[in-house]
Amino acid sequence: MKTHHLLLIPVIPAITFISVPALMAGQVSAEGVQSLALNKSGISPSLVTSTSSPPRLLLANRYLPDTALAADNYWASEKLDGVRAYWDGQRLLTRSGMTIKAPVWFTASFPEQPLDGELWIGRGQFDLVSGIVRRQSPDDSAWRQVRYKVFDLPADPQRFEARMHTLDEVVANTGLAWLQAVAQIRMQSEGGLQGFLDAIIAIGGEGLMLRRIGSYYQPGRSDDLLKVKPLQDDEATVVAHLPGEGKFAGMLGSLLVRHADGREFKLGSGFTNAQRETPPPVGSLVTFQYSGLTRTGLPRFARFYRQRDEL
């Protein structure tokens, strides 16, 4: 079995690594954090021809904060902000089965073995890479920025750890700088997991992907693959009650709230039926939860948590 290099992240205690044989520029941050694929969809049909059926991919369940997690049962990597892409041995396909028109040189030396990964440029660059991937005629110079970050071998029958060793070898044999195996970090404690998550968030990442130790690649959603995104909280003042529609007709649909910095946005989820019938009054302070910020600085996936005055 091939010997694998180790990556060291001093701020995260008690962890070991499966890593790629060589670290390409941009593959690891200054803090030594290796990127992991983020599952993105929504690529338009302009990508071109559709295949007979979508690729059968392993999909992630969302890790819920109130669920006990045995962190030492998982490997972890950063959740990449890119476009999920499946290499079937001949073509790059989106999760929905559309063929991605990459330049010929980009995939010419790819292996015949199927790959599961992410077309990625950098943190917070999803719009850019998505635009490049969508083009009917590939922009050669734009594709020079793209890396195919591979995190699994869908057709390999081995357990996860063995698949990662094989993946390192497959990638190394191509000699391509833009084809990169994603390093996986072995979690050994809940504290180590939280430390890794904090480090990723601090450098602009979205969260983590967790892969269960000893698991097989089985298509469909499974707790063998979990996505972990932090829930941050903040406070805002209720500005208005916006009416609901459909099943919420006659009740609150969402709250229009104003943050202390003057920005206004809506909170449309997180309410009980009782709270929709008797919502927090205009002028009251509410706590909301969210997962990071959008590019415009607004809370992402903001949801009502509780009325601050009740505390």
Protein backbone atom coordinates (compact mmCIF):
# COMPACT_ATOMS: atom_id res chain seq x y z
CA MET A 1 0.00 0.00 0.00
CA LYS A 2 1.30 3.38 -0.96
CA THR A 3 2.55 5.66 1.82
CA HIS A 4 0.56 8.88 2.10
CA HIS A 5 1.79 12.25 3.23
CA LEU A 6 0.34 13.85 6.33
CA LEU A 7 -0.97 17.38 6.59
CA LEU A 8 -0.62 19.07 9.97
CA ILE A 9 -3.04 21.71 11.28
CA PRO A 10 -1.70 22.82 14.66
CA VAL A 11 -4.95 24.53 15.71
CA ILE A 12 -6.93 21.29 15.45
CA PRO A 13 -5.82 18.66 17.98
CA ALA A 14 -5.84 14.88 17.75
CA ILE A 15 -6.46 14.31 14.05
CA THR A 16 -4.82 12.28 11.28
CA PHE A 17 -5.05 12.61 7.54
CA ILE A 18 -5.44 10.90 4.21
CA SER A 19 -3.91 13.38 1.79
CA VAL A 20 -2.90 13.75 -1.84
CA PRO A 21 0.65 12.88 -2.88
CA ALA A 22 1.46 16.45 -3.86
CA LEU A 23 -0.13 19.70 -2.77
CA MET A 24 -0.94 21.90 -5.73
CA ALA A 25 -1.13 25.68 -5.48
CA GLY A 26 -4.44 26.73 -4.04
CA GLN A 27 -5.25 23.27 -2.72
CA VAL A 28 -4.46 24.12 0.89
CA SER A 29 -4.87 27.45 2.63
CA ALA A 30 -2.16 29.29 4.49
CA GLU A 31 -3.57 27.75 7.63
CA GLY A 32 -3.12 24.30 6.15
CA VAL A 33 -6.80 23.56 5.60
CA GLN A 34 -7.70 21.28 2.68
CA SER A 35 -10.87 21.90 0.72
CA LEU A 36 -13.83 19.57 0.42
CA ALA A 37 -16.60 19.39 -2.08
CA LEU A 38 -19.84 21.19 -1.67
CA ASN A 39 -22.85 19.72 -3.32
CA LYS A 40 -24.32 22.35 -5.69
CA SER A 41 -27.05 21.93 -8.26
CA GLY A 42 -29.20 24.18 -10.36
CA ILE A 43 -27.06 24.14 -13.50
CA SER A 44 -29.15 25.17 -16.49
CA PRO A 45 -29.97 22.96 -19.51
CA SER A 46 -27.72 25.21 -21.61
CA LEU A 47 -24.92 22.93 -20.47
CA VAL A 48 -25.95 20.86 -23.47
CA THR A 49 -27.03 17.33 -24.09
CA SER A 50 -28.77 15.31 -21.45
CA THR A 51 -27.69 11.79 -20.67
CA SER A 52 -30.12 8.86 -20.47
CA SER A 53 -30.29 9.11 -16.69
CA PRO A 54 -28.67 11.14 -13.88
CA PRO A 55 -25.57 9.60 -12.31
CA ARG A 56 -26.27 7.57 -9.18
CA LEU A 57 -24.44 9.57 -6.52
CA LEU A 58 -23.98 9.32 -2.79
CA LEU A 59 -25.91 12.25 -1.31
CA ALA A 60 -25.58 13.90 2.07
CA ASN A 61 -27.98 14.18 4.95
CA ARG A 62 -27.81 17.35 7.00
CA TYR A 63 -26.27 17.07 10.44
CA LEU A 64 -28.67 18.46 13.03
CA PRO A 65 -27.08 20.27 15.99
CA ASP A 66 -29.38 18.61 18.52
CA THR A 67 -28.43 15.14 17.31
CA ALA A 68 -25.68 13.31 19.17
CA LEU A 69 -22.75 12.76 16.81
CA ALA A 70 -19.93 10.34 17.48
CA ALA A 71 -17.27 12.42 15.75
CA ASP A 72 -14.71 9.64 15.93
CA ASN A 73 -16.81 7.64 13.44
CA TYR A 74 -16.11 10.10 10.63
CA TRP A 75 -13.56 11.65 8.33
CA ALA A 76 -14.06 15.33 7.52
CA SER A 77 -13.24 17.79 4.75
CA GLU A 78 -14.28 21.29 3.83
CA LYS A 79 -17.61 21.74 2.06
CA LEU A 80 -16.55 23.26 -1.26
CA ASP A 81 -18.38 26.10 -2.95
CA GLY A 82 -18.38 24.64 -6.46
CA VAL A 83 -20.34 22.58 -8.99
CA ARG A 84 -20.82 18.86 -8.32
CA ALA A 85 -19.48 16.90 -11.28
CA TYR A 86 -19.38 13.18 -12.11
CA TRP A 87 -16.80 11.77 -14.51
CA ASP A 88 -18.18 8.61 -16.11
CA GLY A 89 -14.93 7.73 -17.87
CA GLN A 90 -15.77 9.74 -20.97
CA ARG A 91 -17.77 12.81 -19.95
CA LEU A 92 -18.25 15.23 -17.10
CA LEU A 93 -21.89 15.23 -15.99
CA THR A 94 -23.86 17.38 -13.61
CA ARG A 95 -25.87 15.80 -10.82
CA SER A 96 -28.97 16.03 -13.04
CA GLY A 97 -27.23 14.24 -15.89
CA MET A 98 -26.37 17.12 -18.19
CA THR A 99 -23.09 16.93 -20.09
CA ILE A 100 -20.61 19.64 -19.12
CA LYS A 101 -18.77 21.04 -22.12
CA ALA A 102 -15.26 21.33 -20.76
CA PRO A 103 -12.33 22.01 -23.11
CA VAL A 104 -10.87 18.85 -24.64
CA TRP A 105 -7.54 19.38 -22.88
CA PHE A 106 -9.23 19.54 -19.48
CA THR A 107 -10.44 15.92 -19.55
CA ALA A 108 -8.13 14.38 -22.18
CA SER A 109 -5.95 12.59 -19.60
CA PHE A 110 -8.66 11.79 -17.08
CA PRO A 111 -8.77 8.10 -16.05
CA GLU A 112 -11.37 5.67 -17.38
CA GLN A 113 -12.42 5.09 -13.78
CA PRO A 114 -15.54 7.06 -12.66
CA LEU A 115 -14.87 10.02 -10.36
CA ASP A 116 -17.10 12.02 -8.05
CA GLY A 117 -16.02 15.55 -7.22
CA GLU A 118 -16.45 19.28 -7.53
CA LEU A 119 -15.49 21.81 -10.19
CA TRP A 120 -14.06 24.53 -8.00
CA ILE A 121 -12.16 27.81 -8.19
CA GLY A 122 -12.09 29.13 -4.64
CA ARG A 123 -14.14 29.99 -1.58
CA GLY A 124 -17.08 32.24 -2.37
CA GLN A 125 -16.58 31.76 -6.13
CA PHE A 126 -19.62 29.62 -6.94
CA ASP A 127 -21.17 32.21 -9.25
CA LEU A 128 -17.93 32.42 -11.22
CA VAL A 129 -17.37 28.69 -11.65
CA SER A 130 -21.06 28.12 -12.35
CA GLY A 131 -20.97 30.69 -15.13
CA ILE A 132 -17.89 29.05 -16.66
CA VAL A 133 -19.45 25.59 -16.52
CA ARG A 134 -22.77 26.74 -18.03
CA ARG A 135 -21.29 27.98 -21.29
CA GLN A 136 -22.29 26.13 -24.45
CA SER A 137 -18.86 26.86 -25.93
CA PRO A 138 -16.13 26.46 -23.31
CA ASP A 139 -13.98 29.50 -22.60
CA ASP A 140 -10.48 28.07 -22.66
CA SER A 141 -8.87 30.83 -20.60
CA ALA A 142 -11.65 30.73 -17.99
CA TRP A 143 -11.32 26.96 -17.57
CA ARG A 144 -7.64 27.46 -16.69
CA GLN A 145 -8.89 28.66 -13.28
CA VAL A 146 -10.96 25.55 -12.62
CA ARG A 147 -9.86 22.56 -10.54
CA TYR A 148 -11.65 19.23 -10.43
CA LYS A 149 -11.50 18.33 -6.74
CA VAL A 150 -12.26 14.62 -6.47
CA PHE A 151 -13.55 13.14 -3.23
CA ASP A 152 -14.66 9.64 -4.16
CA LEU A 153 -14.59 6.71 -6.58
CA PRO A 154 -18.23 5.70 -7.22
CA ALA A 155 -17.44 2.38 -8.95
CA ASP A 156 -14.83 1.21 -6.44
CA PRO A 157 -16.23 -1.57 -4.18
CA GLN A 158 -13.74 -0.97 -1.37
CA ARG A 159 -14.39 0.73 1.95
CA PHE A 160 -13.81 4.45 2.18
CA GLU A 161 -10.22 4.40 3.46
CA ALA A 162 -9.09 2.02 0.72
CA ARG A 163 -10.90 4.09 -1.90
CA MET A 164 -8.99 7.16 -0.78
CA HIS A 165 -5.63 5.40 -1.16
CA THR A 166 -6.67 4.30 -4.64
CA LEU A 167 -7.88 7.80 -5.47
CA ASP A 168 -4.52 9.30 -4.54
CA GLU A 169 -2.81 6.87 -6.92
CA VAL A 170 -5.28 7.46 -9.75
CA VAL A 171 -4.87 11.24 -9.52
CA ALA A 172 -1.10 11.11 -9.20
CA ASN A 173 -0.82 8.89 -12.29
CA THR A 174 -2.51 11.52 -14.48
CA GLY A 175 0.05 14.20 -13.64
CA LEU A 176 -2.62 16.88 -14.09
CA ALA A 177 -2.37 19.98 -11.89
CA TRP A 178 -6.12 20.64 -12.17
CA LEU A 179 -7.17 17.12 -11.11
CA GLN A 180 -6.79 16.96 -7.33
CA ALA A 181 -7.76 14.45 -4.67
CA VAL A 182 -9.41 16.00 -1.65
CA ALA A 183 -7.69 15.27 1.66
CA GLN A 184 -9.81 13.72 4.41
CA ILE A 185 -9.16 14.49 8.05
CA ARG A 186 -9.83 11.79 10.65
CA MET A 187 -11.91 13.13 13.51
CA GLN A 188 -11.11 11.77 16.96
CA SER A 189 -13.30 13.91 19.19
CA GLU A 190 -16.20 16.33 19.17
CA GLY A 191 -13.74 19.06 20.14
CA GLY A 192 -11.55 18.26 17.15
CA LEU A 193 -14.54 18.43 14.84
CA GLN A 194 -15.61 21.79 16.24
CA GLY A 195 -12.06 23.09 15.98
CA PHE A 196 -11.88 22.09 12.33
CA LEU A 197 -15.27 23.65 11.62
CA ASP A 198 -14.24 26.89 13.34
CA ALA A 199 -11.02 27.00 11.29
CA ILE A 200 -12.94 26.53 8.03
CA ILE A 201 -15.46 29.23 8.86
CA ALA A 202 -12.68 31.62 9.89
CA ILE A 203 -11.14 31.44 6.40
CA GLY A 204 -14.41 31.93 4.57
CA GLY A 205 -15.57 28.34 4.13
CA GLU A 206 -19.17 27.14 4.39
CA GLY A 207 -18.84 24.08 6.58
CA LEU A 208 -17.76 20.45 6.55
CA MET A 209 -18.64 17.16 4.89
CA LEU A 210 -18.36 14.04 7.05
CA ARG A 211 -17.82 10.54 5.67
CA ARG A 212 -18.34 7.52 7.87
CA ILE A 213 -15.32 5.36 8.60
CA GLY A 214 -15.40 2.05 6.72
CA SER A 215 -18.41 2.98 4.60
CA TYR A 216 -19.08 1.84 1.03
CA TYR A 217 -20.13 4.10 -1.83
CA GLN A 218 -23.89 3.56 -1.92
CA PRO A 219 -26.00 5.92 -4.09
CA GLY A 220 -28.77 7.86 -2.38
CA ARG A 221 -29.02 9.83 0.86
CA SER A 222 -27.33 8.30 3.85
CA ASP A 223 -25.84 9.16 7.22
CA ASP A 224 -22.62 7.78 5.74
CA LEU A 225 -22.29 11.31 4.35
CA LEU A 226 -23.28 14.34 6.43
CA LYS A 227 -22.98 18.06 5.78
CA VAL A 228 -22.23 20.27 8.76
CA LYS A 229 -22.94 23.98 8.56
CA PRO A 230 -22.76 26.27 11.58
CA LEU A 231 -25.87 27.99 12.85
CA GLN A 232 -25.01 31.48 14.00
CA ASP A 233 -27.51 33.75 15.73
CA ASP A 234 -28.16 37.46 15.95
CA GLU A 235 -30.94 39.89 16.81
CA ALA A 236 -33.18 42.16 14.78
CA THR A 237 -36.20 44.40 15.30
CA VAL A 238 -39.58 43.50 13.81
CA VAL A 239 -40.57 46.12 11.22
CA ALA A 240 -43.71 44.57 9.71
CA HIS A 241 -45.88 41.46 9.51
CA LEU A 242 -46.17 40.08 5.98
CA PRO A 243 -49.29 37.97 5.26
CA GLY A 244 -49.09 34.26 4.56
CA GLU A 245 -50.39 32.36 1.54
CA GLY A 246 -51.61 28.83 0.97
CA LYS A 247 -51.62 26.88 4.20
CA PHE A 248 -50.58 30.05 6.05
CA ALA A 249 -53.42 32.18 4.64
CA GLY A 250 -54.85 34.36 7.37
CA MET A 251 -51.69 34.00 9.45
CA LEU A 252 -48.19 35.39 9.44
CA GLY A 253 -46.20 34.58 6.33
CA SER A 254 -42.94 36.22 7.33
CA LEU A 255 -41.48 38.95 9.49
CA LEU A 256 -39.76 41.92 7.94
CA VAL A 257 -36.94 42.72 10.34
CA ARG A 258 -34.21 45.36 10.60
CA HIS A 259 -30.73 44.56 11.84
CA ALA A 260 -28.75 47.01 13.97
CA ASP A 261 -26.71 47.93 10.88
CA GLY A 262 -29.89 49.11 9.13
CA ARG A 263 -30.26 46.20 6.71
CA GLU A 264 -33.74 44.74 6.32
CA PHE A 265 -34.65 41.17 5.40
CA LYS A 266 -37.39 38.60 5.89
CA LEU A 267 -37.73 35.73 8.33
CA GLY A 268 -40.16 33.22 6.85
CA SER A 269 -39.42 29.98 8.67
CA GLY A 270 -38.92 28.68 12.19
CA PHE A 271 -42.37 29.67 13.48
CA THR A 272 -44.92 27.45 15.19
CA ASN A 273 -48.55 27.80 14.11
CA ALA A 274 -49.26 29.57 17.40
CA GLN A 275 -46.52 32.10 16.65
CA ARG A 276 -47.92 32.63 13.14
CA GLU A 277 -51.34 33.35 14.66
CA THR A 278 -49.88 35.70 17.29
CA PRO A 279 -46.54 36.89 15.92
CA PRO A 280 -43.99 39.00 17.77
CA PRO A 281 -45.28 42.57 17.72
CA VAL A 282 -43.82 45.29 15.54
CA GLY A 283 -40.99 46.93 17.44
CA SER A 284 -40.07 43.80 19.39
CA LEU A 285 -36.62 42.24 19.33
CA VAL A 286 -36.27 38.71 17.94
CA THR A 287 -33.40 36.27 17.72
CA PHE A 288 -32.77 34.59 14.37
CA GLN A 289 -30.40 31.83 13.28
CA TYR A 290 -28.48 31.75 10.01
CA SER A 291 -25.64 30.02 8.17
CA GLY A 292 -23.04 32.61 7.26
CA LEU A 293 -23.53 35.66 5.06
CA THR A 294 -24.38 36.13 1.41
CA ARG A 295 -22.06 38.04 -0.91
CA THR A 296 -24.13 41.17 -0.18
CA GLY A 297 -23.70 40.75 3.56
CA LEU A 298 -27.18 39.51 4.42
CA PRO A 299 -27.73 36.47 6.68
CA ARG A 300 -27.95 33.26 4.64
CA PHE A 301 -30.91 30.92 5.38
CA ALA A 302 -32.11 33.19 8.19
CA ARG A 303 -34.92 31.69 10.28
CA PHE A 304 -36.84 32.84 13.36
CA TYR A 305 -35.60 31.38 16.61
CA ARG A 306 -37.43 33.17 19.42
CA GLN A 307 -38.72 36.50 20.65
CA ARG A 308 -35.89 38.14 22.55
CA ASP A 309 -38.30 39.84 24.98
CA GLU A 310 -39.35 36.40 26.29
CA LEU A 311 -35.96 35.75 27.87
